[in-house]
Amino acid sequence: METKGKKELLFGEDVKIAGVVAGIAKYLNKDIKTLRVLYATATILTGLIPGVLAYIALAFAMVMNEEHHNDSALMGSK
């Protein structure tokens, strides 16, 4: 089955915690630092819980690309 032309939400390569915001930035072709600041600000303004839960949900929902899988310290694959 071909996925030609289909964009997938992948983990980003510039990983801080799980690579979720970096993956979103790559998907949207936006600056990673700007999105990190926006996500952190939104998380703080909403009382932390919704932002943290959304981050965890996105971490499980995102597709693991081969580079992230091989380099991930979170997955214990070093």
C-alpha atoms as a PDB file:
ATOM      1  CA  MET A   1       0.000   0.000   0.000  1.00  0.00           C
ATOM      2  CA  GLU A   2       1.500   3.326  -1.078  1.00  0.00           C
ATOM      3  CA  THR A   3       1.375   6.476   1.028  1.00  0.00           C
ATOM      4  CA  LYS A   4       2.517   8.778  -1.760  1.00  0.00           C
ATOM      5  CA  GLY A   5       1.436  12.356  -1.089  1.00  0.00           C
ATOM      6  CA  LYS A   6       0.122  11.492   2.373  1.00  0.00           C
ATOM      7  CA  LYS A   7       1.627  13.484   5.226  1.00  0.00           C
ATOM      8  CA  GLU A   8       2.122  11.614   8.468  1.00  0.00           C
ATOM      9  CA  LEU A   9       2.611  13.192  11.854  1.00  0.00           C
ATOM     10  CA  LEU A  10       6.036  11.854  12.821  1.00  0.00           C
ATOM     11  CA  PHE A  11       8.188  12.424  15.856  1.00  0.00           C
ATOM     12  CA  GLY A  12      10.674  15.219  15.238  1.00  0.00           C
ATOM     13  CA  GLU A  13      14.438  14.867  15.244  1.00  0.00           C
ATOM     14  CA  ASP A  14      15.077  17.817  17.593  1.00  0.00           C
ATOM     15  CA  VAL A  15      13.909  15.902  20.657  1.00  0.00           C
ATOM     16  CA  LYS A  16      13.589  17.528  24.079  1.00  0.00           C
ATOM     17  CA  ILE A  17      11.218  15.086  25.810  1.00  0.00           C
ATOM     18  CA  ALA A  18       9.475  12.842  23.275  1.00  0.00           C
ATOM     19  CA  GLY A  19       9.739  14.892  20.083  1.00  0.00           C
ATOM     20  CA  VAL A  20       6.022  15.712  19.915  1.00  0.00           C
ATOM     21  CA  VAL A  21       6.292  19.481  19.419  1.00  0.00           C
ATOM     22  CA  ALA A  22       9.224  19.004  17.027  1.00  0.00           C
ATOM     23  CA  GLY A  23       7.101  16.570  15.013  1.00  0.00           C
ATOM     24  CA  ILE A  24       4.204  19.014  14.893  1.00  0.00           C
ATOM     25  CA  ALA A  25       6.564  21.804  13.813  1.00  0.00           C
ATOM     26  CA  LYS A  26       7.962  19.612  11.042  1.00  0.00           C
ATOM     27  CA  TYR A  27       4.443  18.620   9.927  1.00  0.00           C
ATOM     28  CA  LEU A  28       3.300  22.262   9.805  1.00  0.00           C
ATOM     29  CA  ASN A  29       6.636  23.584   8.442  1.00  0.00           C
ATOM     30  CA  LYS A  30       6.920  26.008  11.361  1.00  0.00           C
ATOM     31  CA  ASP A  31       9.773  27.051  13.653  1.00  0.00           C
ATOM     32  CA  ILE A  32      10.294  24.553  16.491  1.00  0.00           C
ATOM     33  CA  LYS A  33      11.266  27.147  19.095  1.00  0.00           C
ATOM     34  CA  THR A  34       8.180  29.246  18.392  1.00  0.00           C
ATOM     35  CA  LEU A  35       5.868  26.254  18.733  1.00  0.00           C
ATOM     36  CA  ARG A  36       7.586  25.155  21.949  1.00  0.00           C
ATOM     37  CA  VAL A  37       7.020  28.587  23.471  1.00  0.00           C
ATOM     38  CA  LEU A  38       3.382  28.611  22.306  1.00  0.00           C
ATOM     39  CA  TYR A  39       2.766  25.085  23.622  1.00  0.00           C
ATOM     40  CA  ALA A  40       4.393  25.837  26.977  1.00  0.00           C
ATOM     41  CA  THR A  41       2.421  29.074  27.306  1.00  0.00           C
ATOM     42  CA  ALA A  42      -0.861  27.356  26.427  1.00  0.00           C
ATOM     43  CA  THR A  43      -0.089  24.537  28.865  1.00  0.00           C
ATOM     44  CA  ILE A  44       0.608  26.957  31.715  1.00  0.00           C
ATOM     45  CA  LEU A  45      -2.448  29.112  30.974  1.00  0.00           C
ATOM     46  CA  THR A  46      -4.778  26.097  30.946  1.00  0.00           C
ATOM     47  CA  GLY A  47      -3.612  24.863  34.338  1.00  0.00           C
ATOM     48  CA  LEU A  48      -0.962  22.336  33.195  1.00  0.00           C
ATOM     49  CA  ILE A  49      -3.168  19.209  33.227  1.00  0.00           C
ATOM     50  CA  PRO A  50      -4.776  19.615  29.741  1.00  0.00           C
ATOM     51  CA  GLY A  51      -1.446  20.412  28.100  1.00  0.00           C
ATOM     52  CA  VAL A  52       0.337  17.496  29.742  1.00  0.00           C
ATOM     53  CA  LEU A  53      -2.477  15.078  28.877  1.00  0.00           C
ATOM     54  CA  ALA A  54      -2.522  16.329  25.267  1.00  0.00           C
ATOM     55  CA  TYR A  55       1.256  15.847  25.043  1.00  0.00           C
ATOM     56  CA  ILE A  56       0.996  12.271  26.307  1.00  0.00           C
ATOM     57  CA  ALA A  57      -1.884  11.507  23.934  1.00  0.00           C
ATOM     58  CA  LEU A  58       0.072  12.923  20.986  1.00  0.00           C
ATOM     59  CA  ALA A  59       3.138  10.903  21.980  1.00  0.00           C
ATOM     60  CA  PHE A  60       1.081   7.718  21.682  1.00  0.00           C
ATOM     61  CA  ALA A  61      -0.736   8.837  18.517  1.00  0.00           C
ATOM     62  CA  MET A  62       2.301   9.902  16.501  1.00  0.00           C
ATOM     63  CA  VAL A  63       3.982   7.562  14.066  1.00  0.00           C
ATOM     64  CA  MET A  64       7.484   6.484  15.036  1.00  0.00           C
ATOM     65  CA  ASN A  65       9.912   7.219  12.213  1.00  0.00           C
ATOM     66  CA  GLU A  66      12.953   4.991  11.824  1.00  0.00           C
ATOM     67  CA  GLU A  67      15.493   7.684  12.840  1.00  0.00           C
ATOM     68  CA  HIS A  68      13.672   8.462  16.094  1.00  0.00           C
ATOM     69  CA  HIS A  69      13.286   4.778  16.884  1.00  0.00           C
ATOM     70  CA  ASN A  70      17.020   4.146  16.492  1.00  0.00           C
ATOM     71  CA  ASP A  71      18.128   7.227  18.487  1.00  0.00           C
ATOM     72  CA  SER A  72      15.482   7.408  21.187  1.00  0.00           C
ATOM     73  CA  ALA A  73      16.741   7.356  24.750  1.00  0.00           C
ATOM     74  CA  LEU A  74      13.128   7.134  25.935  1.00  0.00           C
ATOM     75  CA  MET A  75      12.672   3.778  24.229  1.00  0.00           C
ATOM     76  CA  GLY A  76      15.851   2.388  25.820  1.00  0.00           C
ATOM     77  CA  SER A  77      17.398   1.493  22.470  1.00  0.00           C
ATOM     78  CA  LYS A  78      20.960   2.679  22.951  1.00  0.00           C
END
